Amino acid sequence: MKYTHIIWDWNGTLLNDIGASLASVNDMLSMRGMPHINNVYYKECIGVPIIKFYEKVFDLEKEDYSLIIKQYNEGYLRHLADCDLTDGAREALEFFKEKGLKQVVVSSSNNEQLCRNAEKYGVSGYFDELLGASDFFAGSKIERAAEYLRKNGAEKGRVLVVGDLEHDAEMAAELGADCVLLTSGHEHPERLKNAKMPLIDNLHELIFFVKTAQ
């Protein structure tokens, strides 16, 4: 098999949490007497760092950004009870485990929250490491991914990044890794096309992609 390492994104890739994110944002808009946004607008606005998103939805010149992040995470955790893993996630994780690939999650999520959720959904045992952020501000993941690959001696060309944002493609380019982007995640499929990476609609398709990769 071509790949020895899989670098997974978490939110929107392994965890289907778009509903929780959108609901939390709309809760905050309700608090401020502002109209809700829909799923399409959410996916058109999302970006890394996450402040790019909030600049489009709220007036950050009048808002305390730290309070927005706090309110978002409180709402997100409330709505997370309605979420589950992405279709095909467990099958893909099991497939790569059986093939002996090392799997790691590199996420913009807070690391404590990431570890707790991976345990909650029963998938923590699949991963060599869970590399979340030290805060809740959803910044770049590139440095953590690069450090992991340096420590583990992964060869360029034998690493696959699986995500749902253009930022995941940017990270793959920095790492010298291949990349596949999931169209059912947080970013609109039309925006993902800008990354010029292979697109898949579900994680069942990922298994076929890896089997046929040359």
C-alpha atoms as a PDB file:
ATOM      1  CA  MET A   1       0.000   0.000   0.000  1.00  0.00           C
ATOM      2  CA  LYS A   2       1.261   3.473  -0.911  1.00  0.00           C
ATOM      3  CA  TYR A   3       0.524   5.125   2.445  1.00  0.00           C
ATOM      4  CA  THR A   4       2.023   4.450   5.860  1.00  0.00           C
ATOM      5  CA  HIS A   5       0.336   7.348   7.714  1.00  0.00           C
ATOM      6  CA  ILE A   6      -3.152   8.866   7.655  1.00  0.00           C
ATOM      7  CA  ILE A   7      -3.578  12.347   9.121  1.00  0.00           C
ATOM      8  CA  TRP A   8      -7.248  12.851   9.933  1.00  0.00           C
ATOM      9  CA  ASP A   9      -9.134  16.029  10.559  1.00  0.00           C
ATOM     10  CA  TRP A  10     -11.771  15.585  13.268  1.00  0.00           C
ATOM     11  CA  ASN A  11     -14.645  18.091  13.005  1.00  0.00           C
ATOM     12  CA  GLY A  12     -16.682  17.523   9.869  1.00  0.00           C
ATOM     13  CA  THR A  13     -14.425  14.693   8.711  1.00  0.00           C
ATOM     14  CA  LEU A  14     -14.598  11.917  11.298  1.00  0.00           C
ATOM     15  CA  LEU A  15     -17.270  13.628  13.405  1.00  0.00           C
ATOM     16  CA  ASN A  16     -20.418  14.838  11.654  1.00  0.00           C
ATOM     17  CA  ASP A  17     -20.871  17.904  13.834  1.00  0.00           C
ATOM     18  CA  ILE A  18     -21.999  20.512  11.293  1.00  0.00           C
ATOM     19  CA  GLY A  19     -25.458  20.512  12.866  1.00  0.00           C
ATOM     20  CA  ALA A  20     -24.058  21.281  16.313  1.00  0.00           C
ATOM     21  CA  SER A  21     -21.844  24.077  14.990  1.00  0.00           C
ATOM     22  CA  LEU A  22     -24.628  25.730  13.008  1.00  0.00           C
ATOM     23  CA  ALA A  23     -27.109  25.419  15.879  1.00  0.00           C
ATOM     24  CA  SER A  24     -24.651  27.020  18.291  1.00  0.00           C
ATOM     25  CA  VAL A  25     -24.008  29.944  15.936  1.00  0.00           C
ATOM     26  CA  ASN A  26     -27.751  30.454  15.504  1.00  0.00           C
ATOM     27  CA  ASP A  27     -28.211  30.374  19.281  1.00  0.00           C
ATOM     28  CA  MET A  28     -25.741  33.258  19.517  1.00  0.00           C
ATOM     29  CA  LEU A  29     -27.532  35.158  16.765  1.00  0.00           C
ATOM     30  CA  SER A  30     -30.831  34.689  18.634  1.00  0.00           C
ATOM     31  CA  MET A  31     -29.250  36.124  21.793  1.00  0.00           C
ATOM     32  CA  ARG A  32     -28.443  39.261  19.803  1.00  0.00           C
ATOM     33  CA  GLY A  33     -31.791  39.524  18.010  1.00  0.00           C
ATOM     34  CA  MET A  34     -30.133  38.778  14.667  1.00  0.00           C
ATOM     35  CA  PRO A  35     -31.509  36.521  11.903  1.00  0.00           C
ATOM     36  CA  HIS A  36     -30.306  32.938  11.685  1.00  0.00           C
ATOM     37  CA  ILE A  37     -27.992  31.705   8.948  1.00  0.00           C
ATOM     38  CA  ASN A  38     -28.592  28.526   6.967  1.00  0.00           C
ATOM     39  CA  ASN A  39     -26.353  25.552   6.249  1.00  0.00           C
ATOM     40  CA  VAL A  40     -25.247  26.862   2.849  1.00  0.00           C
ATOM     41  CA  TYR A  41     -24.213  30.284   4.151  1.00  0.00           C
ATOM     42  CA  TYR A  42     -22.367  28.645   7.053  1.00  0.00           C
ATOM     43  CA  LYS A  43     -20.370  26.476   4.646  1.00  0.00           C
ATOM     44  CA  GLU A  44     -19.622  29.431   2.386  1.00  0.00           C
ATOM     45  CA  CYS A  45     -18.228  31.486   5.294  1.00  0.00           C
ATOM     46  CA  ILE A  46     -16.224  28.944   7.282  1.00  0.00           C
ATOM     47  CA  GLY A  47     -12.440  29.345   7.303  1.00  0.00           C
ATOM     48  CA  VAL A  48      -9.178  29.000   9.222  1.00  0.00           C
ATOM     49  CA  PRO A  49      -8.456  30.744  11.491  1.00  0.00           C
ATOM     50  CA  ILE A  50     -12.074  30.714  12.642  1.00  0.00           C
ATOM     51  CA  ILE A  51     -12.088  34.475  13.193  1.00  0.00           C
ATOM     52  CA  LYS A  52     -12.569  34.749   9.409  1.00  0.00           C
ATOM     53  CA  PHE A  53     -15.969  33.145   9.864  1.00  0.00           C
ATOM     54  CA  TYR A  54     -17.025  35.319  12.785  1.00  0.00           C
ATOM     55  CA  GLU A  55     -16.011  38.479  10.930  1.00  0.00           C
ATOM     56  CA  LYS A  56     -18.646  37.636   8.310  1.00  0.00           C
ATOM     57  CA  VAL A  57     -21.424  36.755  10.772  1.00  0.00           C
ATOM     58  CA  PHE A  58     -20.914  39.196  13.682  1.00  0.00           C
ATOM     59  CA  ASP A  59     -19.705  42.777  14.056  1.00  0.00           C
ATOM     60  CA  LEU A  60     -16.413  42.126  15.810  1.00  0.00           C
ATOM     61  CA  GLU A  61     -15.805  45.841  16.282  1.00  0.00           C
ATOM     62  CA  LYS A  62     -18.697  45.786  18.751  1.00  0.00           C
ATOM     63  CA  GLU A  63     -18.331  42.242  20.093  1.00  0.00           C
ATOM     64  CA  ASP A  64     -15.941  40.692  22.598  1.00  0.00           C
ATOM     65  CA  TYR A  65     -14.364  37.960  20.480  1.00  0.00           C
ATOM     66  CA  SER A  66     -13.366  35.888  23.521  1.00  0.00           C
ATOM     67  CA  LEU A  67     -17.006  35.935  24.664  1.00  0.00           C
ATOM     68  CA  ILE A  68     -18.158  34.767  21.233  1.00  0.00           C
ATOM     69  CA  ILE A  69     -15.751  31.821  21.374  1.00  0.00           C
ATOM     70  CA  LYS A  70     -16.933  30.961  24.894  1.00  0.00           C
ATOM     71  CA  GLN A  71     -20.621  31.134  23.924  1.00  0.00           C
ATOM     72  CA  TYR A  72     -20.005  29.089  20.795  1.00  0.00           C
ATOM     73  CA  ASN A  73     -18.299  26.269  22.677  1.00  0.00           C
ATOM     74  CA  GLU A  74     -20.980  26.176  25.350  1.00  0.00           C
ATOM     75  CA  GLY A  75     -23.665  25.887  22.684  1.00  0.00           C
ATOM     76  CA  TYR A  76     -21.666  23.398  20.642  1.00  0.00           C
ATOM     77  CA  LEU A  77     -21.372  21.032  23.591  1.00  0.00           C
ATOM     78  CA  ARG A  78     -25.123  21.267  24.216  1.00  0.00           C
ATOM     79  CA  HIS A  79     -25.939  20.340  20.625  1.00  0.00           C
ATOM     80  CA  LEU A  80     -23.213  17.704  20.268  1.00  0.00           C
ATOM     81  CA  ALA A  81     -25.528  15.126  21.860  1.00  0.00           C
ATOM     82  CA  ASP A  82     -27.406  15.013  18.537  1.00  0.00           C
ATOM     83  CA  CYS A  83     -24.265  14.180  16.512  1.00  0.00           C
ATOM     84  CA  ASP A  84     -22.496  10.964  15.538  1.00  0.00           C
ATOM     85  CA  LEU A  85     -19.482   9.912  13.521  1.00  0.00           C
ATOM     86  CA  THR A  86     -19.514  10.571   9.783  1.00  0.00           C
ATOM     87  CA  ASP A  87     -20.935   7.864   7.528  1.00  0.00           C
ATOM     88  CA  GLY A  88     -18.194   5.318   6.887  1.00  0.00           C
ATOM     89  CA  ALA A  89     -15.847   6.642   9.594  1.00  0.00           C
ATOM     90  CA  ARG A  90     -15.701   3.474  11.671  1.00  0.00           C
ATOM     91  CA  GLU A  91     -15.260   1.303   8.579  1.00  0.00           C
ATOM     92  CA  ALA A  92     -12.406   3.472   7.293  1.00  0.00           C
ATOM     93  CA  LEU A  93     -10.648   3.530  10.664  1.00  0.00           C
ATOM     94  CA  GLU A  94     -10.922  -0.245  10.933  1.00  0.00           C
ATOM     95  CA  PHE A  95      -9.693  -0.758   7.362  1.00  0.00           C
ATOM     96  CA  PHE A  96      -6.540   1.311   7.952  1.00  0.00           C
ATOM     97  CA  LYS A  97      -5.938  -0.391  11.288  1.00  0.00           C
ATOM     98  CA  GLU A  98      -6.066  -3.813   9.631  1.00  0.00           C
ATOM     99  CA  LYS A  99      -3.619  -2.630   6.968  1.00  0.00           C
ATOM    100  CA  GLY A 100      -1.174  -1.492   9.652  1.00  0.00           C
ATOM    101  CA  LEU A 101      -1.235   2.232   8.855  1.00  0.00           C
ATOM    102  CA  LYS A 102      -0.530   4.731  11.600  1.00  0.00           C
ATOM    103  CA  GLN A 103      -3.468   7.067  12.123  1.00  0.00           C
ATOM    104  CA  VAL A 104      -3.340  10.439  13.834  1.00  0.00           C
ATOM    105  CA  VAL A 105      -5.882  13.202  14.338  1.00  0.00           C
ATOM    106  CA  VAL A 106      -4.658  16.769  13.891  1.00  0.00           C
ATOM    107  CA  SER A 107      -7.498  19.074  14.839  1.00  0.00           C
ATOM    108  CA  SER A 108      -8.288  22.735  15.447  1.00  0.00           C
ATOM    109  CA  SER A 109     -10.414  21.577  18.375  1.00  0.00           C
ATOM    110  CA  ASN A 110      -9.212  22.055  21.925  1.00  0.00           C
ATOM    111  CA  ASN A 111      -7.085  19.012  22.762  1.00  0.00           C
ATOM    112  CA  GLU A 112      -8.931  18.115  25.959  1.00  0.00           C
ATOM    113  CA  GLN A 113     -12.260  18.299  24.147  1.00  0.00           C
ATOM    114  CA  LEU A 114     -10.868  16.266  21.234  1.00  0.00           C
ATOM    115  CA  CYS A 115      -9.618  13.456  23.488  1.00  0.00           C
ATOM    116  CA  ARG A 116     -12.892  13.396  25.418  1.00  0.00           C
ATOM    117  CA  ASN A 117     -14.956  13.157  22.236  1.00  0.00           C
ATOM    118  CA  ALA A 118     -12.775  10.479  20.643  1.00  0.00           C
ATOM    119  CA  GLU A 119     -13.312   8.427  23.807  1.00  0.00           C
ATOM    120  CA  LYS A 120     -17.048   9.207  23.808  1.00  0.00           C
ATOM    121  CA  TYR A 121     -17.493   7.879  20.273  1.00  0.00           C
ATOM    122  CA  GLY A 122     -15.358   4.815  20.949  1.00  0.00           C
ATOM    123  CA  VAL A 123     -12.577   5.512  18.425  1.00  0.00           C
ATOM    124  CA  SER A 124      -9.630   6.719  20.522  1.00  0.00           C
ATOM    125  CA  GLY A 125      -7.930   3.329  20.256  1.00  0.00           C
ATOM    126  CA  TYR A 126      -7.438   3.703  16.507  1.00  0.00           C
ATOM    127  CA  PHE A 127      -5.044   6.622  16.791  1.00  0.00           C
ATOM    128  CA  ASP A 128      -1.317   6.799  17.296  1.00  0.00           C
ATOM    129  CA  GLU A 129      -1.842  10.343  18.627  1.00  0.00           C
ATOM    130  CA  LEU A 130      -4.604  12.911  19.083  1.00  0.00           C
ATOM    131  CA  LEU A 131      -3.192  16.378  18.424  1.00  0.00           C
ATOM    132  CA  GLY A 132      -5.669  19.099  19.261  1.00  0.00           C
ATOM    133  CA  ALA A 133      -5.114  22.795  19.925  1.00  0.00           C
ATOM    134  CA  SER A 134      -4.132  24.331  23.240  1.00  0.00           C
ATOM    135  CA  ASP A 135      -7.034  26.819  23.041  1.00  0.00           C
ATOM    136  CA  PHE A 136     -10.481  27.278  21.461  1.00  0.00           C
ATOM    137  CA  PHE A 137      -9.520  29.754  18.725  1.00  0.00           C
ATOM    138  CA  ALA A 138      -9.264  27.180  15.886  1.00  0.00           C
ATOM    139  CA  GLY A 139      -6.007  28.296  14.316  1.00  0.00           C
ATOM    140  CA  SER A 140      -3.639  26.543  11.924  1.00  0.00           C
ATOM    141  CA  LYS A 141      -2.839  22.860  12.400  1.00  0.00           C
ATOM    142  CA  ILE A 142       0.265  22.754  10.210  1.00  0.00           C
ATOM    143  CA  GLU A 143       2.930  23.030  12.905  1.00  0.00           C
ATOM    144  CA  ARG A 144       1.494  20.172  14.983  1.00  0.00           C
ATOM    145  CA  ALA A 145       1.220  17.903  11.954  1.00  0.00           C
ATOM    146  CA  ALA A 146       4.767  18.689  10.822  1.00  0.00           C
ATOM    147  CA  GLU A 147       6.161  17.991  14.295  1.00  0.00           C
ATOM    148  CA  TYR A 148       4.360  14.629  14.431  1.00  0.00           C
ATOM    149  CA  LEU A 149       5.801  13.568  11.062  1.00  0.00           C
ATOM    150  CA  ARG A 150       9.315  14.693  12.061  1.00  0.00           C
ATOM    151  CA  LYS A 151       9.155  12.632  15.250  1.00  0.00           C
ATOM    152  CA  ASN A 152       7.814   9.574  13.480  1.00  0.00           C
ATOM    153  CA  GLY A 153      10.039   9.634  10.421  1.00  0.00           C
ATOM    154  CA  ALA A 154       7.243   9.481   7.869  1.00  0.00           C
ATOM    155  CA  GLU A 155       8.411   9.597   4.265  1.00  0.00           C
ATOM    156  CA  LYS A 156       7.092  12.237   1.884  1.00  0.00           C
ATOM    157  CA  GLY A 157       4.635  10.742  -0.571  1.00  0.00           C
ATOM    158  CA  ARG A 158       3.528   8.095   1.914  1.00  0.00           C
ATOM    159  CA  VAL A 159       1.292  10.342   4.014  1.00  0.00           C
ATOM    160  CA  LEU A 160      -2.373  11.048   3.277  1.00  0.00           C
ATOM    161  CA  VAL A 161      -4.293  13.973   4.783  1.00  0.00           C
ATOM    162  CA  VAL A 162      -8.076  13.529   5.004  1.00  0.00           C
ATOM    163  CA  GLY A 163     -10.103  16.649   5.773  1.00  0.00           C
ATOM    164  CA  ASP A 164     -13.066  18.830   4.862  1.00  0.00           C
ATOM    165  CA  LEU A 165     -11.498  22.312   4.535  1.00  0.00           C
ATOM    166  CA  GLU A 166      -9.198  24.068   2.094  1.00  0.00           C
ATOM    167  CA  HIS A 167      -6.889  24.481   5.081  1.00  0.00           C
ATOM    168  CA  ASP A 168      -6.417  20.704   5.129  1.00  0.00           C
ATOM    169  CA  ALA A 169      -5.175  20.895   1.537  1.00  0.00           C
ATOM    170  CA  GLU A 170      -2.842  23.753   2.522  1.00  0.00           C
ATOM    171  CA  MET A 171      -1.514  21.615   5.355  1.00  0.00           C
ATOM    172  CA  ALA A 172      -0.947  18.662   3.021  1.00  0.00           C
ATOM    173  CA  ALA A 173       0.986  20.875   0.612  1.00  0.00           C
ATOM    174  CA  GLU A 174       3.234  22.107   3.441  1.00  0.00           C
ATOM    175  CA  LEU A 175       3.843  18.533   4.569  1.00  0.00           C
ATOM    176  CA  GLY A 176       4.484  17.131   1.100  1.00  0.00           C
ATOM    177  CA  ALA A 177       1.520  14.809   1.634  1.00  0.00           C
ATOM    178  CA  ASP A 178      -1.357  13.698  -0.564  1.00  0.00           C
ATOM    179  CA  CYS A 179      -4.817  14.959   0.319  1.00  0.00           C
ATOM    180  CA  VAL A 180      -8.453  13.948  -0.058  1.00  0.00           C
ATOM    181  CA  LEU A 181     -11.283  16.330   0.860  1.00  0.00           C
ATOM    182  CA  LEU A 182     -14.723  15.307   2.065  1.00  0.00           C
ATOM    183  CA  THR A 183     -17.600  17.273   0.517  1.00  0.00           C
ATOM    184  CA  SER A 184     -20.084  16.560   3.322  1.00  0.00           C
ATOM    185  CA  GLY A 185     -18.135  18.506   5.956  1.00  0.00           C
ATOM    186  CA  HIS A 186     -17.971  22.129   7.089  1.00  0.00           C
ATOM    187  CA  GLU A 187     -16.870  23.789   3.838  1.00  0.00           C
ATOM    188  CA  HIS A 188     -18.999  24.178   0.720  1.00  0.00           C
ATOM    189  CA  PRO A 189     -18.020  21.739  -2.077  1.00  0.00           C
ATOM    190  CA  GLU A 190     -17.673  24.594  -4.583  1.00  0.00           C
ATOM    191  CA  ARG A 191     -15.004  26.186  -2.386  1.00  0.00           C
ATOM    192  CA  LEU A 192     -13.228  22.851  -1.959  1.00  0.00           C
ATOM    193  CA  LYS A 193     -12.776  22.658  -5.725  1.00  0.00           C
ATOM    194  CA  ASN A 194     -10.365  25.598  -5.426  1.00  0.00           C
ATOM    195  CA  ALA A 195      -7.920  23.301  -3.633  1.00  0.00           C
ATOM    196  CA  LYS A 196      -7.640  21.101  -6.746  1.00  0.00           C
ATOM    197  CA  MET A 197      -7.508  17.943  -4.642  1.00  0.00           C
ATOM    198  CA  PRO A 198      -9.499  14.722  -5.042  1.00  0.00           C
ATOM    199  CA  LEU A 199     -12.995  15.066  -3.555  1.00  0.00           C
ATOM    200  CA  ILE A 200     -15.082  12.307  -2.000  1.00  0.00           C
ATOM    201  CA  ASP A 201     -18.697  12.423  -0.845  1.00  0.00           C
ATOM    202  CA  ASN A 202     -18.313   9.919   2.004  1.00  0.00           C
ATOM    203  CA  LEU A 203     -15.640   7.922   3.808  1.00  0.00           C
ATOM    204  CA  HIS A 204     -16.633   4.665   2.105  1.00  0.00           C
ATOM    205  CA  GLU A 205     -15.154   6.215  -1.048  1.00  0.00           C
ATOM    206  CA  LEU A 206     -11.918   6.890   0.836  1.00  0.00           C
ATOM    207  CA  ILE A 207     -11.221   3.166   1.172  1.00  0.00           C
ATOM    208  CA  PHE A 208     -11.517   2.742  -2.603  1.00  0.00           C
ATOM    209  CA  PHE A 209      -9.274   5.770  -3.168  1.00  0.00           C
ATOM    210  CA  VAL A 210      -6.522   4.368  -0.951  1.00  0.00           C
ATOM    211  CA  LYS A 211      -6.769   0.893  -2.468  1.00  0.00           C
ATOM    212  CA  THR A 212      -6.217   2.320  -5.940  1.00  0.00           C
ATOM    213  CA  ALA A 213      -3.606   4.973  -5.079  1.00  0.00           C
ATOM    214  CA  GLN A 214      -0.340   4.563  -6.972  1.00  0.00           C
END
